[in-house]
Amino acid sequence: MRNLFVVMLALVVVGCGEQAPPQQQPAEPAPPVKTHNYSLKDGYEYGYERKVSVDERNKGQAASSLMMARYAGRLDGKYQVFLKNAAAPGAYAVAECTNPCEFMKSMVFFQGRHMSTERLRVQPGVIGWMILEDAINGELEQFVGDDDGRKYTVWFDEKKGLVKKKLDKPNS
């Protein structure tokens, strides 16, 4: 037993001796950490990718088109994002939530008027939640529109409809 102790002690002492300094390898830069869910930013619009459905894949579609969203802003603790429907001018899909968010409010507006509202449990990977998550995490820039030099932000209200808030006076 004593011999075993002496051998172990000798190994520890030898292991603590001087060693040749390790050769320094040039450090490779770490890839940037993605902190947002969007795939593309174009001005005030953010593009989100949805998964290709089985039906779409069976029809030969390899990728889905981006869903382009805008961040309306934060008001009274609520975050709001919206998507314009290119196929139906004047139609908007709006998602709204607080932080923390368990259920998001999904609203439809047409020609500036409120049409319907649903409340949905948030789920990872769902486009509406991915956009709201980016908004809540400060990853989106608030949309600013421009009507003939008059800048404005928007908010969608179930009673008032589409509300434009002027930001400044028209350019001279």
Protein backbone atom coordinates (compact mmCIF):
# COMPACT_ATOMS: atom_id res chain seq x y z
CA MET A 1 0.00 0.00 0.00
CA ARG A 2 2.85 2.29 0.91
CA ASN A 3 4.57 1.51 -2.40
CA LEU A 4 1.40 2.42 -4.27
CA PHE A 5 1.27 5.76 -2.45
CA VAL A 6 4.94 6.48 -3.32
CA VAL A 7 4.32 5.65 -7.00
CA MET A 8 1.24 7.90 -7.12
CA LEU A 9 3.13 10.73 -5.39
CA ALA A 10 6.00 10.36 -7.88
CA LEU A 11 3.56 10.58 -10.78
CA VAL A 12 2.01 13.75 -9.34
CA VAL A 13 5.43 15.34 -8.80
CA VAL A 14 6.59 14.40 -12.31
CA GLY A 15 3.32 15.70 -13.70
CA CYS A 16 3.93 19.05 -12.01
CA GLY A 17 7.38 19.48 -13.55
CA GLU A 18 8.17 22.00 -16.26
CA GLN A 19 6.78 21.26 -19.65
CA ALA A 20 7.53 22.76 -23.01
CA PRO A 21 5.23 25.68 -23.67
CA PRO A 22 2.36 24.70 -25.94
CA GLN A 23 2.61 25.97 -29.48
CA GLN A 24 0.27 28.85 -30.09
CA GLN A 25 -2.21 28.23 -32.86
CA PRO A 26 -3.61 31.32 -34.53
CA ALA A 27 -7.11 31.77 -33.21
CA GLU A 28 -9.81 31.55 -35.85
CA PRO A 29 -12.47 34.20 -35.53
CA ALA A 30 -15.68 32.91 -34.06
CA PRO A 31 -18.65 33.06 -36.42
CA PRO A 32 -21.04 35.87 -35.55
CA VAL A 33 -23.81 34.84 -33.21
CA LYS A 34 -27.24 35.33 -34.78
CA THR A 35 -29.46 37.09 -32.25
CA HIS A 36 -32.55 37.50 -34.44
CA ASN A 37 -35.00 35.29 -36.31
CA TYR A 38 -35.27 37.23 -39.57
CA SER A 39 -33.37 36.15 -42.69
CA LEU A 40 -33.33 39.48 -44.53
CA LYS A 41 -33.59 43.18 -43.69
CA ASP A 42 -34.70 45.60 -46.40
CA GLY A 43 -35.24 49.12 -45.06
CA TYR A 44 -37.99 48.86 -42.45
CA GLU A 45 -39.06 45.40 -43.63
CA TYR A 46 -37.82 42.11 -42.23
CA GLY A 47 -38.07 38.82 -44.13
CA TYR A 48 -38.98 35.61 -42.31
CA GLU A 49 -38.78 32.13 -43.81
CA ARG A 50 -41.41 29.53 -43.16
CA LYS A 51 -40.83 25.84 -43.65
CA VAL A 52 -41.87 24.32 -46.96
CA SER A 53 -44.95 22.14 -46.44
CA VAL A 54 -45.06 18.51 -47.52
CA ASP A 55 -47.54 19.42 -50.28
CA GLU A 56 -45.25 22.17 -51.58
CA ARG A 57 -42.25 19.83 -51.48
CA ASN A 58 -44.22 17.15 -53.36
CA LYS A 59 -44.97 19.74 -56.05
CA GLY A 60 -41.23 20.38 -56.45
CA GLN A 61 -40.97 23.58 -54.43
CA ALA A 62 -37.60 23.67 -52.62
CA ALA A 63 -37.98 26.94 -50.72
CA SER A 64 -40.75 29.25 -49.60
CA SER A 65 -40.92 32.96 -50.28
CA LEU A 66 -40.11 35.32 -47.45
CA MET A 67 -42.89 36.82 -45.39
CA MET A 68 -42.06 40.52 -45.07
CA ALA A 69 -43.00 42.17 -41.77
CA ARG A 70 -42.75 45.62 -40.27
CA TYR A 71 -42.51 46.66 -36.62
CA ALA A 72 -45.27 49.13 -35.68
CA GLY A 73 -43.71 49.79 -32.27
CA ARG A 74 -44.48 49.52 -28.58
CA LEU A 75 -47.45 51.20 -26.93
CA ASP A 76 -48.74 50.71 -23.38
CA GLY A 77 -46.52 47.64 -22.91
CA LYS A 78 -47.74 46.00 -26.15
CA TYR A 79 -45.47 45.17 -29.07
CA GLN A 80 -47.06 45.21 -32.51
CA VAL A 81 -45.91 43.96 -35.93
CA PHE A 82 -47.73 43.85 -39.26
CA LEU A 83 -47.59 42.26 -42.69
CA LYS A 84 -49.03 43.79 -45.85
CA ASN A 85 -50.83 41.47 -48.23
CA ALA A 86 -49.47 42.13 -51.72
CA ALA A 87 -52.28 40.08 -53.28
CA ALA A 88 -54.97 42.13 -51.54
CA PRO A 89 -54.00 45.83 -51.37
CA GLY A 90 -55.25 47.41 -48.17
CA ALA A 91 -55.19 44.14 -46.21
CA TYR A 92 -52.94 43.79 -43.16
CA ALA A 93 -52.23 40.92 -40.78
CA VAL A 94 -51.27 42.30 -37.36
CA ALA A 95 -49.76 40.48 -34.37
CA GLU A 96 -49.55 41.97 -30.89
CA CYS A 97 -48.19 40.80 -27.55
CA THR A 98 -46.84 41.91 -24.19
CA ASN A 99 -43.63 40.73 -22.51
CA PRO A 100 -43.76 38.00 -21.30
CA CYS A 101 -45.97 36.66 -24.07
CA GLU A 102 -48.01 33.49 -23.68
CA PHE A 103 -50.81 34.35 -26.12
CA MET A 104 -50.48 36.69 -29.09
CA LYS A 105 -53.34 38.69 -30.51
CA SER A 106 -53.74 38.16 -34.26
CA MET A 107 -55.84 40.78 -36.06
CA VAL A 108 -56.91 41.42 -39.64
CA PHE A 109 -57.47 44.93 -41.02
CA PHE A 110 -58.81 45.88 -44.44
CA GLN A 111 -58.84 49.41 -45.85
CA GLY A 112 -57.82 50.68 -42.40
CA ARG A 113 -60.74 49.01 -40.58
CA HIS A 114 -60.60 46.15 -38.08
CA MET A 115 -62.13 42.94 -39.44
CA SER A 116 -61.32 40.15 -36.95
CA THR A 117 -59.28 39.14 -33.91
CA GLU A 118 -57.99 35.80 -32.65
CA ARG A 119 -55.77 34.90 -29.72
CA LEU A 120 -53.20 32.19 -30.25
CA ARG A 121 -50.78 30.46 -27.90
CA VAL A 122 -47.23 31.30 -28.96
CA GLN A 123 -45.23 28.38 -30.34
CA PRO A 124 -41.54 28.26 -31.29
CA GLY A 125 -41.09 28.35 -35.06
CA VAL A 126 -44.42 30.07 -35.77
CA ILE A 127 -43.77 33.12 -37.99
CA GLY A 128 -45.95 35.50 -35.93
CA TRP A 129 -44.14 34.59 -32.75
CA MET A 130 -40.71 34.77 -34.43
CA ILE A 131 -41.45 38.35 -35.51
CA LEU A 132 -42.83 39.37 -32.11
CA GLU A 133 -39.86 37.74 -30.37
CA ASP A 134 -37.51 39.89 -32.47
CA ALA A 135 -39.56 42.99 -31.59
CA ILE A 136 -39.55 42.20 -27.86
CA ASN A 137 -35.78 41.54 -27.96
CA GLY A 138 -35.09 44.91 -29.59
CA GLU A 139 -33.97 43.43 -32.93
CA LEU A 140 -36.39 45.43 -35.14
CA GLU A 141 -36.39 49.09 -36.09
CA GLN A 142 -39.78 50.83 -35.88
CA PHE A 143 -41.43 51.43 -39.24
CA VAL A 144 -41.52 55.06 -40.36
CA GLY A 145 -43.67 55.91 -43.37
CA ASP A 146 -43.46 58.96 -45.61
CA ASP A 147 -46.43 60.71 -47.29
CA ASP A 148 -45.09 63.56 -49.44
CA GLY A 149 -42.38 64.44 -46.91
CA ARG A 150 -44.58 63.90 -43.86
CA LYS A 151 -43.10 61.16 -41.72
CA TYR A 152 -45.35 58.98 -39.57
CA THR A 153 -45.55 55.78 -37.56
CA VAL A 154 -48.53 53.43 -37.50
CA TRP A 155 -50.55 51.57 -34.89
CA PHE A 156 -53.46 49.23 -35.48
CA ASP A 157 -56.34 49.68 -33.02
CA GLU A 158 -59.42 47.45 -32.92
CA LYS A 159 -61.73 50.45 -32.41
CA LYS A 160 -59.93 53.24 -34.29
CA GLY A 161 -58.50 51.13 -37.11
CA LEU A 162 -55.18 52.07 -38.70
CA VAL A 163 -53.81 55.10 -36.85
CA LYS A 164 -51.00 57.18 -38.36
CA LYS A 165 -49.04 59.35 -35.93
CA LYS A 166 -47.19 62.29 -37.54
CA LEU A 167 -43.57 62.63 -36.52
CA ASP A 168 -42.57 66.01 -37.96
CA LYS A 169 -43.58 68.87 -40.26
CA PRO A 170 -43.37 68.44 -44.05
CA ASN A 171 -40.05 69.19 -45.72
CA SER A 172 -39.78 72.61 -47.39
